Amino acid sequence: MLIFAPEEEVARRIDRMLWIWPQLSFVPHCLAHDPLAPQTPVLITADAGNRPECEIVLNLGAQCPPLFERCARLLEVIGQDDEDRARGRERYRFYKERGYAIASHDLAARA
């Protein structure tokens, strides 16, 4: 899995957060340019040019991630503020117009 966070600070924050996750729930991960990346199941990158092949991409950016069509699944997280929702709708239309199957899960409604 690749976590694509195009802002370097967000990528580093995700990396730190995964290190302090509860000990019994540790998620093995590293930055995509790390020498251990080929042996690590979860990679994090802010660099669109350094995007390794992965089966699943989690997009934390405002735009469609580069080369997303190479992955089997793309996960998008849409926040609650109006600007984030508008950008999410744009990406949704982009994917829909190109014929991608889309499944939505409203986690706010479940809370």
Protein backbone atom coordinates (compact mmCIF):
# COMPACT_ATOMS: atom_id res chain seq x y z
CA MET A 1 0.00 0.00 0.00
CA LEU A 2 1.19 3.49 -0.79
CA ILE A 3 0.09 6.52 1.21
CA PHE A 4 0.40 9.48 -1.16
CA ALA A 5 0.66 12.73 0.81
CA PRO A 6 1.91 15.36 -1.66
CA GLU A 7 2.80 17.78 1.13
CA GLU A 8 6.13 16.74 2.69
CA GLU A 9 5.04 17.79 6.18
CA VAL A 10 1.88 15.66 5.97
CA ALA A 11 3.93 12.65 4.80
CA ARG A 12 6.32 13.06 7.74
CA ARG A 13 3.42 13.52 10.17
CA ILE A 14 1.79 10.29 8.93
CA ASP A 15 5.13 8.53 9.34
CA ARG A 16 5.44 9.76 12.95
CA MET A 17 1.82 8.88 13.74
CA LEU A 18 2.31 5.30 12.55
CA TRP A 19 5.35 4.97 14.84
CA ILE A 20 3.35 5.93 17.92
CA TRP A 21 0.34 3.74 17.05
CA PRO A 22 -0.50 1.33 19.88
CA GLN A 23 2.26 -1.27 20.17
CA LEU A 24 0.03 -4.26 19.47
CA SER A 25 -1.32 -2.57 16.34
CA PHE A 26 2.00 -1.56 14.76
CA VAL A 27 1.82 -0.92 11.01
CA PRO A 28 5.17 -1.71 9.34
CA HIS A 29 5.92 1.27 7.13
CA CYS A 30 8.62 3.57 5.81
CA LEU A 31 9.11 6.43 3.41
CA ALA A 32 9.15 5.30 -0.24
CA HIS A 33 12.80 6.35 -0.74
CA ASP A 34 14.02 4.33 2.28
CA PRO A 35 16.36 1.40 1.51
CA LEU A 36 13.87 -0.92 3.28
CA ALA A 37 10.97 0.09 0.99
CA PRO A 38 11.07 -3.10 -1.14
CA GLN A 39 10.49 -5.22 2.00
CA THR A 40 7.91 -2.94 3.64
CA PRO A 41 4.14 -3.37 3.13
CA VAL A 42 3.15 0.29 3.68
CA LEU A 43 5.04 3.10 1.97
CA ILE A 44 4.61 6.85 2.35
CA THR A 45 5.60 9.42 -0.24
CA ALA A 46 5.17 13.11 -0.96
CA ASP A 47 7.07 12.87 -4.24
CA ALA A 48 4.93 12.08 -7.29
CA GLY A 49 8.11 11.14 -9.15
CA ASN A 50 9.03 8.58 -6.49
CA ARG A 51 5.87 6.53 -6.62
CA PRO A 52 6.59 2.81 -6.51
CA GLU A 53 4.17 0.26 -7.92
CA CYS A 54 1.59 -0.63 -5.28
CA GLU A 55 -1.70 -2.50 -5.32
CA ILE A 56 -3.49 0.09 -3.16
CA VAL A 57 -2.99 3.86 -3.04
CA LEU A 58 -4.40 6.05 -0.26
CA ASN A 59 -4.61 9.59 -1.62
CA LEU A 60 -4.27 12.36 0.96
CA GLY A 61 -3.85 15.06 -1.67
CA ALA A 62 -6.30 17.56 -3.14
CA GLN A 63 -5.75 16.28 -6.70
CA CYS A 64 -5.91 12.85 -8.30
CA PRO A 65 -2.66 11.06 -7.50
CA PRO A 66 -0.26 10.53 -10.39
CA LEU A 67 -0.39 7.14 -12.10
CA PHE A 68 -3.36 6.03 -9.96
CA GLU A 69 -4.62 3.94 -12.89
CA ARG A 70 -1.73 1.50 -12.33
CA CYS A 71 -3.08 0.40 -8.95
CA ALA A 72 -5.89 -2.07 -8.29
CA ARG A 73 -7.58 0.20 -5.71
CA LEU A 74 -7.55 3.87 -4.89
CA LEU A 75 -8.76 5.14 -1.53
CA GLU A 76 -9.78 8.76 -1.07
CA VAL A 77 -10.48 10.53 2.21
CA ILE A 78 -12.87 13.49 2.00
CA GLY A 79 -13.01 15.84 4.97
CA GLN A 80 -16.01 17.72 6.31
CA ASP A 81 -15.08 21.28 5.32
CA ASP A 82 -16.63 22.76 2.17
CA GLU A 83 -13.36 23.20 0.29
CA ASP A 84 -12.28 19.59 0.86
CA ARG A 85 -15.72 18.31 -0.15
CA ALA A 86 -15.67 20.38 -3.36
CA ARG A 87 -12.25 18.99 -4.33
CA GLY A 88 -13.49 15.48 -3.49
CA ARG A 89 -16.49 15.96 -5.78
CA GLU A 90 -14.16 17.06 -8.59
CA ARG A 91 -12.06 13.92 -8.19
CA TYR A 92 -15.23 11.81 -8.00
CA ARG A 93 -16.46 13.26 -11.33
CA PHE A 94 -13.03 12.70 -12.87
CA TYR A 95 -13.04 9.01 -11.91
CA LYS A 96 -16.72 8.52 -12.82
CA GLU A 97 -16.30 10.11 -16.29
CA ARG A 98 -13.51 7.64 -17.01
CA GLY A 99 -15.63 4.66 -16.05
CA TYR A 100 -14.01 3.66 -12.76
CA ALA A 101 -16.22 1.72 -10.35
CA ILE A 102 -16.75 3.84 -7.25
CA ALA A 103 -17.92 2.77 -3.81
CA SER A 104 -18.63 5.48 -1.24
CA HIS A 105 -18.59 5.03 2.51
CA ASP A 106 -19.91 7.91 4.63
CA LEU A 107 -18.12 7.40 7.94
CA ALA A 108 -19.57 10.61 9.40
CA ALA A 109 -23.08 9.17 9.06
CA ARG A 110 -22.00 6.03 10.95
CA ALA A 111 -20.64 7.99 13.91
